């Protein structure tokens, strides 16, 4: 909003969620150490109150930094969920793995991968020059192609939660329902190959939503959860991110998140902090009023 981009970290469950961390993204044009530095914008740092030790950091790294901070509070995070803006970044996924965090992240349709049963092979060595290294015989394909190849027959119906519209669910609301395909794949890419322990790329779980009325899959996720994780669990976790979208809608429409018009570093952080506290207070009030059979411990 107003040319300011924030990265937020939320703690979420099936019953509630709250923003617990914020970082203001500083583009490279505002960083004097960046090759993209803009002298006019660098000159405005002092007026904006930007600390001298703050420079350009990629959004996915800001997210990892906040995850480290939350865990330093003694809060164990069992799973990281993010949209495709973060899921497409191999460095972000590798950072989560290095921290021992499982993930369920959105990805774009163009992410490339090998089939899970693909095996790297080594060309015959003629005895001259550098010995060949094992590599996959076929080029990596997009995740959309892999799911389309599996076909509609691979899609399974899943209900993951009750929505807000009246329906036949247990609480009188309509059940959220769609069809999903889950495949084992091996994500490709230079960073993944460099981090791999050996010639084989690591396996991950690809989840794709393919509604009955659609000619092709409409949304994709990537996860490193164990292979025995049920499809219903994968879908529930992938769809849990709706809570964060709901947080943003509530903070913007009811609590003034988008009303900040300042241009200072401290002012922005002050504003998002107060909005987050107000949102957390409203969330606690709702939970206190919730029926006993639905309120979490």
C-alpha atoms as a PDB file:
ATOM      1  CA  UNK A   1       0.000   0.000   0.000  1.00  0.00           C
ATOM      2  CA  UNK A   2       1.302   3.490  -0.895  1.00  0.00           C
ATOM      3  CA  UNK A   3       4.416   1.908  -2.454  1.00  0.00           C
ATOM      4  CA  UNK A   4       5.229   0.069   0.782  1.00  0.00           C
ATOM      5  CA  UNK A   5       5.501  -3.720   0.802  1.00  0.00           C
ATOM      6  CA  UNK A   6       5.320  -5.671   4.041  1.00  0.00           C
ATOM      7  CA  UNK A   7       6.031  -9.311   4.781  1.00  0.00           C
ATOM      8  CA  UNK A   8       3.986 -10.786   7.616  1.00  0.00           C
ATOM      9  CA  UNK A   9       4.220 -14.006   9.612  1.00  0.00           C
ATOM     10  CA  UNK A  10       1.066 -15.500  11.112  1.00  0.00           C
ATOM     11  CA  UNK A  11       0.466 -18.305  13.580  1.00  0.00           C
ATOM     12  CA  UNK A  12      -2.590 -20.246  12.447  1.00  0.00           C
ATOM     13  CA  UNK A  13      -4.699 -23.232  13.429  1.00  0.00           C
ATOM     14  CA  UNK A  14      -8.035 -24.559  12.228  1.00  0.00           C
ATOM     15  CA  UNK A  15      -9.797 -22.234  14.702  1.00  0.00           C
ATOM     16  CA  UNK A  16      -7.844 -18.973  14.752  1.00  0.00           C
ATOM     17  CA  UNK A  17      -4.861 -17.038  13.426  1.00  0.00           C
ATOM     18  CA  UNK A  18      -2.933 -13.881  14.199  1.00  0.00           C
ATOM     19  CA  UNK A  19      -0.078 -11.863  12.714  1.00  0.00           C
ATOM     20  CA  UNK A  20       2.947 -12.113  15.023  1.00  0.00           C
ATOM     21  CA  UNK A  21       5.707 -10.612  12.890  1.00  0.00           C
ATOM     22  CA  UNK A  22       6.213  -7.921  10.256  1.00  0.00           C
ATOM     23  CA  UNK A  23       9.108  -6.783   8.088  1.00  0.00           C
ATOM     24  CA  UNK A  24       9.114  -3.779   5.774  1.00  0.00           C
ATOM     25  CA  UNK A  25      10.645  -4.784   2.452  1.00  0.00           C
ATOM     26  CA  UNK A  26      13.373  -2.388   1.318  1.00  0.00           C
ATOM     27  CA  UNK A  27      13.976  -2.483  -2.463  1.00  0.00           C
ATOM     28  CA  UNK A  28      17.519  -2.526  -3.791  1.00  0.00           C
ATOM     29  CA  UNK A  29      17.092   1.049  -5.020  1.00  0.00           C
ATOM     30  CA  UNK A  30      17.033   2.197  -1.360  1.00  0.00           C
ATOM     31  CA  UNK A  31      20.137   0.228  -0.366  1.00  0.00           C
ATOM     32  CA  UNK A  32      23.442   2.107  -0.836  1.00  0.00           C
ATOM     33  CA  UNK A  33      25.293  -1.229  -0.999  1.00  0.00           C
ATOM     34  CA  UNK A  34      23.130  -2.556  -3.829  1.00  0.00           C
ATOM     35  CA  UNK A  35      24.156  -2.278  -7.494  1.00  0.00           C
ATOM     36  CA  UNK A  36      20.597  -1.046  -8.135  1.00  0.00           C
ATOM     37  CA  UNK A  37      20.944   1.837  -5.664  1.00  0.00           C
ATOM     38  CA  UNK A  38      19.160   5.048  -6.677  1.00  0.00           C
ATOM     39  CA  UNK A  39      21.047   8.123  -5.321  1.00  0.00           C
ATOM     40  CA  UNK A  40      17.806  10.103  -4.894  1.00  0.00           C
ATOM     41  CA  UNK A  41      16.183   7.355  -2.816  1.00  0.00           C
ATOM     42  CA  UNK A  42      19.327   6.628  -0.811  1.00  0.00           C
ATOM     43  CA  UNK A  43      19.442  10.332   0.098  1.00  0.00           C
ATOM     44  CA  UNK A  44      15.918  10.035   1.581  1.00  0.00           C
ATOM     45  CA  UNK A  45      16.866   7.260   4.030  1.00  0.00           C
ATOM     46  CA  UNK A  46      17.682   9.678   6.844  1.00  0.00           C
ATOM     47  CA  UNK A  47      14.422  11.588   6.485  1.00  0.00           C
ATOM     48  CA  UNK A  48      12.527   8.287   6.508  1.00  0.00           C
ATOM     49  CA  UNK A  49      14.364   7.102   9.615  1.00  0.00           C
ATOM     50  CA  UNK A  50      15.700   3.924   8.033  1.00  0.00           C
ATOM     51  CA  UNK A  51      18.434   2.446  10.288  1.00  0.00           C
ATOM     52  CA  UNK A  52      21.902   2.465   8.776  1.00  0.00           C
ATOM     53  CA  UNK A  53      22.307  -1.308   9.143  1.00  0.00           C
ATOM     54  CA  UNK A  54      19.104  -2.092   7.200  1.00  0.00           C
ATOM     55  CA  UNK A  55      19.546  -2.957   3.537  1.00  0.00           C
ATOM     56  CA  UNK A  56      17.837  -4.861   0.779  1.00  0.00           C
ATOM     57  CA  UNK A  57      16.811  -8.401   1.781  1.00  0.00           C
ATOM     58  CA  UNK A  58      14.702 -10.720  -0.373  1.00  0.00           C
ATOM     59  CA  UNK A  59      11.150 -11.278   0.882  1.00  0.00           C
ATOM     60  CA  UNK A  60      11.683 -15.020   1.339  1.00  0.00           C
ATOM     61  CA  UNK A  61      14.721 -14.313   3.549  1.00  0.00           C
ATOM     62  CA  UNK A  62      12.670 -11.875   5.644  1.00  0.00           C
ATOM     63  CA  UNK A  63      10.140 -14.685   6.139  1.00  0.00           C
ATOM     64  CA  UNK A  64      12.859 -17.102   7.264  1.00  0.00           C
ATOM     65  CA  UNK A  65      14.255 -14.473   9.645  1.00  0.00           C
ATOM     66  CA  UNK A  66      10.831 -14.059  11.242  1.00  0.00           C
ATOM     67  CA  UNK A  67      10.434 -17.822  11.557  1.00  0.00           C
ATOM     68  CA  UNK A  68      13.769 -17.918  13.394  1.00  0.00           C
ATOM     69  CA  UNK A  69      12.596 -15.118  15.678  1.00  0.00           C
ATOM     70  CA  UNK A  70       9.319 -16.858  16.554  1.00  0.00           C
ATOM     71  CA  UNK A  71      11.122 -20.101  17.320  1.00  0.00           C
ATOM     72  CA  UNK A  72      13.536 -18.181  19.569  1.00  0.00           C
ATOM     73  CA  UNK A  73      10.486 -17.342  21.719  1.00  0.00           C
ATOM     74  CA  UNK A  74      10.092 -21.043  22.457  1.00  0.00           C
ATOM     75  CA  UNK A  75       7.255 -21.541  19.965  1.00  0.00           C
ATOM     76  CA  UNK A  76       7.711 -24.640  17.829  1.00  0.00           C
ATOM     77  CA  UNK A  77       6.290 -24.246  14.341  1.00  0.00           C
ATOM     78  CA  UNK A  78       5.358 -27.669  12.925  1.00  0.00           C
ATOM     79  CA  UNK A  79       4.662 -26.529   9.371  1.00  0.00           C
ATOM     80  CA  UNK A  80       5.238 -23.484   7.164  1.00  0.00           C
ATOM     81  CA  UNK A  81       2.565 -22.404   4.691  1.00  0.00           C
ATOM     82  CA  UNK A  82       3.137 -19.747   2.037  1.00  0.00           C
ATOM     83  CA  UNK A  83       1.846 -18.617  -1.336  1.00  0.00           C
ATOM     84  CA  UNK A  84       3.584 -19.095  -4.669  1.00  0.00           C
ATOM     85  CA  UNK A  85       5.557 -15.872  -4.254  1.00  0.00           C
ATOM     86  CA  UNK A  86       7.600 -17.776  -1.669  1.00  0.00           C
ATOM     87  CA  UNK A  87       6.994 -21.376  -2.755  1.00  0.00           C
ATOM     88  CA  UNK A  88       8.589 -20.753  -6.156  1.00  0.00           C
ATOM     89  CA  UNK A  89      11.829 -19.678  -4.439  1.00  0.00           C
ATOM     90  CA  UNK A  90      13.979 -22.806  -4.079  1.00  0.00           C
ATOM     91  CA  UNK A  91      16.173 -20.970  -1.555  1.00  0.00           C
ATOM     92  CA  UNK A  92      13.128 -20.439   0.687  1.00  0.00           C
ATOM     93  CA  UNK A  93      12.191 -24.133   0.603  1.00  0.00           C
ATOM     94  CA  UNK A  94      15.783 -25.172   1.217  1.00  0.00           C
ATOM     95  CA  UNK A  95      15.943 -22.710   4.125  1.00  0.00           C
ATOM     96  CA  UNK A  96      12.892 -24.318   5.725  1.00  0.00           C
ATOM     97  CA  UNK A  97      14.383 -27.788   5.247  1.00  0.00           C
ATOM     98  CA  UNK A  98      17.665 -26.682   6.818  1.00  0.00           C
ATOM     99  CA  UNK A  99      15.666 -25.496   9.843  1.00  0.00           C
ATOM    100  CA  UNK A 100      13.855 -28.816  10.156  1.00  0.00           C
ATOM    101  CA  UNK A 101      10.531 -27.267   9.156  1.00  0.00           C
ATOM    102  CA  UNK A 102       8.087 -29.097   6.910  1.00  0.00           C
ATOM    103  CA  UNK A 103       6.285 -26.960   4.358  1.00  0.00           C
ATOM    104  CA  UNK A 104       3.145 -26.756   2.244  1.00  0.00           C
ATOM    105  CA  UNK A 105       3.670 -23.931  -0.226  1.00  0.00           C
ATOM    106  CA  UNK A 106       1.892 -22.713  -3.298  1.00  0.00           C
ATOM    107  CA  UNK A 107       3.769 -22.919  -6.586  1.00  0.00           C
ATOM    108  CA  UNK A 108       3.238 -21.643 -10.110  1.00  0.00           C
ATOM    109  CA  UNK A 109       2.194 -23.909 -12.970  1.00  0.00           C
ATOM    110  CA  UNK A 110       5.557 -23.495 -14.679  1.00  0.00           C
ATOM    111  CA  UNK A 111       7.744 -25.004 -11.935  1.00  0.00           C
ATOM    112  CA  UNK A 112       9.789 -27.797 -13.493  1.00  0.00           C
ATOM    113  CA  UNK A 113      10.197 -31.268 -12.061  1.00  0.00           C
ATOM    114  CA  UNK A 114      11.044 -34.871 -12.847  1.00  0.00           C
ATOM    115  CA  UNK A 115       8.680 -37.768 -12.242  1.00  0.00           C
ATOM    116  CA  UNK A 116       9.311 -39.589  -8.969  1.00  0.00           C
ATOM    117  CA  UNK A 117      10.307 -42.777 -10.799  1.00  0.00           C
ATOM    118  CA  UNK A 118      12.843 -40.984 -13.000  1.00  0.00           C
ATOM    119  CA  UNK A 119      16.390 -42.306 -12.539  1.00  0.00           C
ATOM    120  CA  UNK A 120      19.602 -40.482 -13.508  1.00  0.00           C
ATOM    121  CA  UNK A 121      21.849 -42.466 -15.849  1.00  0.00           C
ATOM    122  CA  UNK A 122      25.482 -42.149 -16.784  1.00  0.00           C
ATOM    123  CA  UNK A 123      26.648 -42.177 -20.392  1.00  0.00           C
ATOM    124  CA  UNK A 124      29.369 -44.720 -21.303  1.00  0.00           C
ATOM    125  CA  UNK A 125      32.856 -43.476 -20.509  1.00  0.00           C
ATOM    126  CA  UNK A 126      35.292 -43.585 -23.427  1.00  0.00           C
ATOM    127  CA  UNK A 127      38.312 -43.219 -21.171  1.00  0.00           C
ATOM    128  CA  UNK A 128      39.279 -39.725 -22.322  1.00  0.00           C
ATOM    129  CA  UNK A 129      38.451 -36.398 -20.756  1.00  0.00           C
ATOM    130  CA  UNK A 130      36.354 -35.819 -17.675  1.00  0.00           C
ATOM    131  CA  UNK A 131      34.136 -38.785 -16.740  1.00  0.00           C
ATOM    132  CA  UNK A 132      30.437 -38.091 -17.382  1.00  0.00           C
ATOM    133  CA  UNK A 133      28.192 -37.452 -14.394  1.00  0.00           C
ATOM    134  CA  UNK A 134      24.801 -39.134 -13.996  1.00  0.00           C
ATOM    135  CA  UNK A 135      21.893 -37.069 -15.259  1.00  0.00           C
ATOM    136  CA  UNK A 136      18.252 -37.553 -16.018  1.00  0.00           C
ATOM    137  CA  UNK A 137      17.717 -38.772 -19.592  1.00  0.00           C
ATOM    138  CA  UNK A 138      14.590 -36.657 -20.133  1.00  0.00           C
ATOM    139  CA  UNK A 139      14.261 -32.904 -19.559  1.00  0.00           C
ATOM    140  CA  UNK A 140      12.248 -31.693 -16.588  1.00  0.00           C
ATOM    141  CA  UNK A 141       8.607 -30.861 -17.258  1.00  0.00           C
ATOM    142  CA  UNK A 142       6.226 -28.353 -15.746  1.00  0.00           C
ATOM    143  CA  UNK A 143       4.075 -29.477 -12.822  1.00  0.00           C
ATOM    144  CA  UNK A 144       1.007 -28.641 -14.875  1.00  0.00           C
ATOM    145  CA  UNK A 145       2.116 -31.087 -17.577  1.00  0.00           C
ATOM    146  CA  UNK A 146       2.751 -33.822 -15.007  1.00  0.00           C
ATOM    147  CA  UNK A 147      -0.703 -33.444 -13.451  1.00  0.00           C
ATOM    148  CA  UNK A 148      -2.420 -33.211 -16.841  1.00  0.00           C
ATOM    149  CA  UNK A 149      -0.626 -36.391 -17.875  1.00  0.00           C
ATOM    150  CA  UNK A 150      -1.953 -38.173 -14.781  1.00  0.00           C
ATOM    151  CA  UNK A 151      -5.422 -37.165 -15.973  1.00  0.00           C
ATOM    152  CA  UNK A 152      -8.795 -36.615 -14.340  1.00  0.00           C
ATOM    153  CA  UNK A 153      -8.892 -40.243 -13.231  1.00  0.00           C
ATOM    154  CA  UNK A 154      -6.196 -39.449 -10.670  1.00  0.00           C
ATOM    155  CA  UNK A 155      -8.328 -36.740  -9.009  1.00  0.00           C
ATOM    156  CA  UNK A 156     -10.044 -37.630  -5.728  1.00  0.00           C
ATOM    157  CA  UNK A 157     -12.916 -35.739  -4.036  1.00  0.00           C
ATOM    158  CA  UNK A 158     -12.000 -34.083  -0.731  1.00  0.00           C
ATOM    159  CA  UNK A 159     -14.030 -32.041   1.758  1.00  0.00           C
ATOM    160  CA  UNK A 160     -11.810 -29.983   4.028  1.00  0.00           C
ATOM    161  CA  UNK A 161     -13.951 -27.585   6.090  1.00  0.00           C
ATOM    162  CA  UNK A 162     -17.329 -25.913   6.442  1.00  0.00           C
ATOM    163  CA  UNK A 163     -17.729 -22.522   4.811  1.00  0.00           C
ATOM    164  CA  UNK A 164     -19.892 -19.515   5.681  1.00  0.00           C
ATOM    165  CA  UNK A 165     -22.860 -20.235   3.383  1.00  0.00           C
ATOM    166  CA  UNK A 166     -25.897 -22.210   4.607  1.00  0.00           C
ATOM    167  CA  UNK A 167     -25.736 -25.881   3.687  1.00  0.00           C
ATOM    168  CA  UNK A 168     -25.949 -29.455   4.909  1.00  0.00           C
ATOM    169  CA  UNK A 169     -22.776 -29.519   7.021  1.00  0.00           C
ATOM    170  CA  UNK A 170     -22.812 -30.536  10.677  1.00  0.00           C
ATOM    171  CA  UNK A 171     -23.049 -26.912  11.804  1.00  0.00           C
ATOM    172  CA  UNK A 172     -25.587 -25.949   9.137  1.00  0.00           C
ATOM    173  CA  UNK A 173     -23.060 -24.531   6.682  1.00  0.00           C
ATOM    174  CA  UNK A 174     -21.956 -25.744   3.273  1.00  0.00           C
ATOM    175  CA  UNK A 175     -18.938 -28.035   3.169  1.00  0.00           C
ATOM    176  CA  UNK A 176     -15.937 -26.861   1.122  1.00  0.00           C
ATOM    177  CA  UNK A 177     -15.406 -29.487  -1.571  1.00  0.00           C
ATOM    178  CA  UNK A 178     -13.257 -30.047  -4.642  1.00  0.00           C
ATOM    179  CA  UNK A 179     -11.178 -32.701  -6.423  1.00  0.00           C
ATOM    180  CA  UNK A 180      -7.415 -33.064  -5.964  1.00  0.00           C
ATOM    181  CA  UNK A 181      -4.487 -34.910  -7.506  1.00  0.00           C
ATOM    182  CA  UNK A 182      -1.450 -35.868  -5.390  1.00  0.00           C
ATOM    183  CA  UNK A 183       1.756 -37.017  -7.105  1.00  0.00           C
ATOM    184  CA  UNK A 184       5.298 -37.774  -6.005  1.00  0.00           C
ATOM    185  CA  UNK A 185       7.752 -35.666  -8.010  1.00  0.00           C
ATOM    186  CA  UNK A 186      11.356 -34.453  -7.938  1.00  0.00           C
ATOM    187  CA  UNK A 187      11.552 -30.629  -8.230  1.00  0.00           C
ATOM    188  CA  UNK A 188      14.302 -29.513 -10.584  1.00  0.00           C
ATOM    189  CA  UNK A 189      16.434 -26.389 -10.768  1.00  0.00           C
ATOM    190  CA  UNK A 190      20.077 -25.442 -10.284  1.00  0.00           C
ATOM    191  CA  UNK A 191      19.767 -24.644  -6.566  1.00  0.00           C
ATOM    192  CA  UNK A 192      18.021 -27.944  -5.892  1.00  0.00           C
ATOM    193  CA  UNK A 193      20.672 -29.900  -7.823  1.00  0.00           C
ATOM    194  CA  UNK A 194      23.484 -28.178  -5.968  1.00  0.00           C
ATOM    195  CA  UNK A 195      21.902 -28.943  -2.599  1.00  0.00           C
ATOM    196  CA  UNK A 196      21.074 -32.560  -3.452  1.00  0.00           C
ATOM    197  CA  UNK A 197      23.089 -35.289  -1.761  1.00  0.00           C
ATOM    198  CA  UNK A 198      23.986 -37.248  -4.880  1.00  0.00           C
ATOM    199  CA  UNK A 199      22.726 -37.316  -8.470  1.00  0.00           C
ATOM    200  CA  UNK A 200      19.086 -37.974  -7.510  1.00  0.00           C
ATOM    201  CA  UNK A 201      16.837 -35.004  -6.845  1.00  0.00           C
ATOM    202  CA  UNK A 202      14.879 -35.211  -3.566  1.00  0.00           C
ATOM    203  CA  UNK A 203      11.248 -36.313  -3.701  1.00  0.00           C
ATOM    204  CA  UNK A 204       8.356 -34.033  -2.755  1.00  0.00           C
ATOM    205  CA  UNK A 205       4.591 -34.222  -2.837  1.00  0.00           C
ATOM    206  CA  UNK A 206       2.775 -32.278  -5.540  1.00  0.00           C
ATOM    207  CA  UNK A 207      -0.851 -31.382  -4.807  1.00  0.00           C
ATOM    208  CA  UNK A 208      -3.117 -29.966  -7.509  1.00  0.00           C
ATOM    209  CA  UNK A 209      -6.734 -28.870  -7.335  1.00  0.00           C
ATOM    210  CA  UNK A 210      -8.737 -29.995 -10.372  1.00  0.00           C
ATOM    211  CA  UNK A 211     -12.439 -29.113  -9.936  1.00  0.00           C
ATOM    212  CA  UNK A 212     -14.936 -31.312 -11.748  1.00  0.00           C
ATOM    213  CA  UNK A 213     -16.083 -28.490 -14.009  1.00  0.00           C
ATOM    214  CA  UNK A 214     -12.625 -27.300 -15.054  1.00  0.00           C
ATOM    215  CA  UNK A 215     -10.762 -28.512 -18.158  1.00  0.00           C
ATOM    216  CA  UNK A 216      -7.398 -28.396 -16.355  1.00  0.00           C
ATOM    217  CA  UNK A 217      -5.982 -28.071 -12.825  1.00  0.00           C
ATOM    218  CA  UNK A 218      -6.349 -24.611 -11.295  1.00  0.00           C
ATOM    219  CA  UNK A 219      -3.970 -24.481  -8.311  1.00  0.00           C
ATOM    220  CA  UNK A 220      -0.756 -26.210  -7.233  1.00  0.00           C
ATOM    221  CA  UNK A 221       1.133 -26.804  -3.975  1.00  0.00           C
ATOM    222  CA  UNK A 222       4.422 -28.469  -3.081  1.00  0.00           C
ATOM    223  CA  UNK A 223       5.097 -30.228   0.217  1.00  0.00           C
ATOM    224  CA  UNK A 224       7.849 -32.258   1.865  1.00  0.00           C
ATOM    225  CA  UNK A 225       5.489 -33.927   4.345  1.00  0.00           C
ATOM    226  CA  UNK A 226       5.975 -37.703   4.752  1.00  0.00           C
ATOM    227  CA  UNK A 227       4.732 -39.913   1.917  1.00  0.00           C
ATOM    228  CA  UNK A 228       2.138 -41.540   4.173  1.00  0.00           C
ATOM    229  CA  UNK A 229       0.393 -38.213   4.876  1.00  0.00           C
ATOM    230  CA  UNK A 230      -3.286 -38.685   3.862  1.00  0.00           C
ATOM    231  CA  UNK A 231      -4.675 -36.683   0.970  1.00  0.00           C
ATOM    232  CA  UNK A 232      -7.316 -35.105   3.224  1.00  0.00           C
ATOM    233  CA  UNK A 233      -4.569 -33.805   5.524  1.00  0.00           C
ATOM    234  CA  UNK A 234      -2.602 -32.350   2.604  1.00  0.00           C
ATOM    235  CA  UNK A 235      -5.685 -30.541   1.328  1.00  0.00           C
ATOM    236  CA  UNK A 236      -6.663 -29.221   4.770  1.00  0.00           C
ATOM    237  CA  UNK A 237      -3.177 -27.818   5.322  1.00  0.00           C
ATOM    238  CA  UNK A 238      -2.936 -26.314   1.838  1.00  0.00           C
ATOM    239  CA  UNK A 239      -6.307 -24.632   2.273  1.00  0.00           C
ATOM    240  CA  UNK A 240      -5.463 -23.392   5.782  1.00  0.00           C
ATOM    241  CA  UNK A 241      -3.893 -20.326   4.214  1.00  0.00           C
ATOM    242  CA  UNK A 242      -7.401 -18.899   3.795  1.00  0.00           C
ATOM    243  CA  UNK A 243      -7.075 -17.833   7.425  1.00  0.00           C
ATOM    244  CA  UNK A 244      -4.230 -15.477   6.543  1.00  0.00           C
ATOM    245  CA  UNK A 245      -6.268 -13.986   3.690  1.00  0.00           C
ATOM    246  CA  UNK A 246      -9.096 -13.542   6.207  1.00  0.00           C
ATOM    247  CA  UNK A 247      -6.665 -11.832   8.617  1.00  0.00           C
ATOM    248  CA  UNK A 248      -5.677  -9.338   5.938  1.00  0.00           C
ATOM    249  CA  UNK A 249      -9.276  -8.653   4.960  1.00  0.00           C
ATOM    250  CA  UNK A 250     -10.258  -8.005   8.570  1.00  0.00           C
ATOM    251  CA  UNK A 251      -7.188  -5.887   9.340  1.00  0.00           C
ATOM    252  CA  UNK A 252      -7.733  -3.781   6.223  1.00  0.00           C
ATOM    253  CA  UNK A 253     -11.504  -3.380   6.306  1.00  0.00           C
ATOM    254  CA  UNK A 254     -12.122  -3.111  10.045  1.00  0.00           C
ATOM    255  CA  UNK A 255      -8.846  -2.152  11.704  1.00  0.00           C
ATOM    256  CA  UNK A 256      -7.202   0.311   9.300  1.00  0.00           C
ATOM    257  CA  UNK A 257      -4.173  -1.656   8.085  1.00  0.00           C
ATOM    258  CA  UNK A 258      -4.333   0.045   4.669  1.00  0.00           C
ATOM    259  CA  UNK A 259      -4.911   3.541   6.097  1.00  0.00           C
ATOM    260  CA  UNK A 260      -1.267   4.310   6.860  1.00  0.00           C
ATOM    261  CA  UNK A 261      -0.059   7.265   4.786  1.00  0.00           C
ATOM    262  CA  UNK A 262       3.247   7.962   6.499  1.00  0.00           C
ATOM    263  CA  UNK A 263       6.717   7.706   5.035  1.00  0.00           C
ATOM    264  CA  UNK A 264       8.833   6.731   8.046  1.00  0.00           C
ATOM    265  CA  UNK A 265      10.343   3.430   9.111  1.00  0.00           C
ATOM    266  CA  UNK A 266       9.203   3.698  12.744  1.00  0.00           C
ATOM    267  CA  UNK A 267       5.757   4.966  11.743  1.00  0.00           C
ATOM    268  CA  UNK A 268       5.062   1.951   9.540  1.00  0.00           C
ATOM    269  CA  UNK A 269       6.153  -0.543  12.191  1.00  0.00           C
ATOM    270  CA  UNK A 270       4.154   1.325  14.856  1.00  0.00           C
ATOM    271  CA  UNK A 271       1.039   1.176  12.676  1.00  0.00           C
ATOM    272  CA  UNK A 272       1.194  -2.539  11.776  1.00  0.00           C
ATOM    273  CA  UNK A 273       1.983  -3.414  15.400  1.00  0.00           C
ATOM    274  CA  UNK A 274      -1.114  -1.631  16.731  1.00  0.00           C
ATOM    275  CA  UNK A 275      -3.301  -3.156  14.021  1.00  0.00           C
ATOM    276  CA  UNK A 276      -1.955  -6.642  14.823  1.00  0.00           C
ATOM    277  CA  UNK A 277      -2.589  -6.188  18.554  1.00  0.00           C
ATOM    278  CA  UNK A 278      -6.144  -5.000  17.843  1.00  0.00           C
ATOM    279  CA  UNK A 279      -6.716  -8.005  15.573  1.00  0.00           C
ATOM    280  CA  UNK A 280      -5.360 -10.411  18.197  1.00  0.00           C
ATOM    281  CA  UNK A 281      -7.660  -8.846  20.807  1.00  0.00           C
ATOM    282  CA  UNK A 282     -10.696  -9.291  18.521  1.00  0.00           C
ATOM    283  CA  UNK A 283      -9.663 -12.898  17.870  1.00  0.00           C
ATOM    284  CA  UNK A 284      -9.421 -13.659  21.595  1.00  0.00           C
ATOM    285  CA  UNK A 285     -12.841 -12.092  22.161  1.00  0.00           C
ATOM    286  CA  UNK A 286     -14.374 -14.293  19.466  1.00  0.00           C
ATOM    287  CA  UNK A 287     -12.790 -17.413  20.919  1.00  0.00           C
ATOM    288  CA  UNK A 288     -14.074 -16.520  24.391  1.00  0.00           C
ATOM    289  CA  UNK A 289     -17.611 -16.307  23.010  1.00  0.00           C
ATOM    290  CA  UNK A 290     -17.339 -19.478  20.898  1.00  0.00           C
ATOM    291  CA  UNK A 291     -19.459 -22.513  21.871  1.00  0.00           C
ATOM    292  CA  UNK A 292     -17.639 -24.929  24.144  1.00  0.00           C
ATOM    293  CA  UNK A 293     -17.658 -27.692  21.558  1.00  0.00           C
ATOM    294  CA  UNK A 294     -15.851 -25.521  18.969  1.00  0.00           C
ATOM    295  CA  UNK A 295     -13.537 -23.342  21.071  1.00  0.00           C
ATOM    296  CA  UNK A 296      -9.927 -24.634  21.147  1.00  0.00           C
ATOM    297  CA  UNK A 297      -8.114 -25.292  24.361  1.00  0.00           C
END
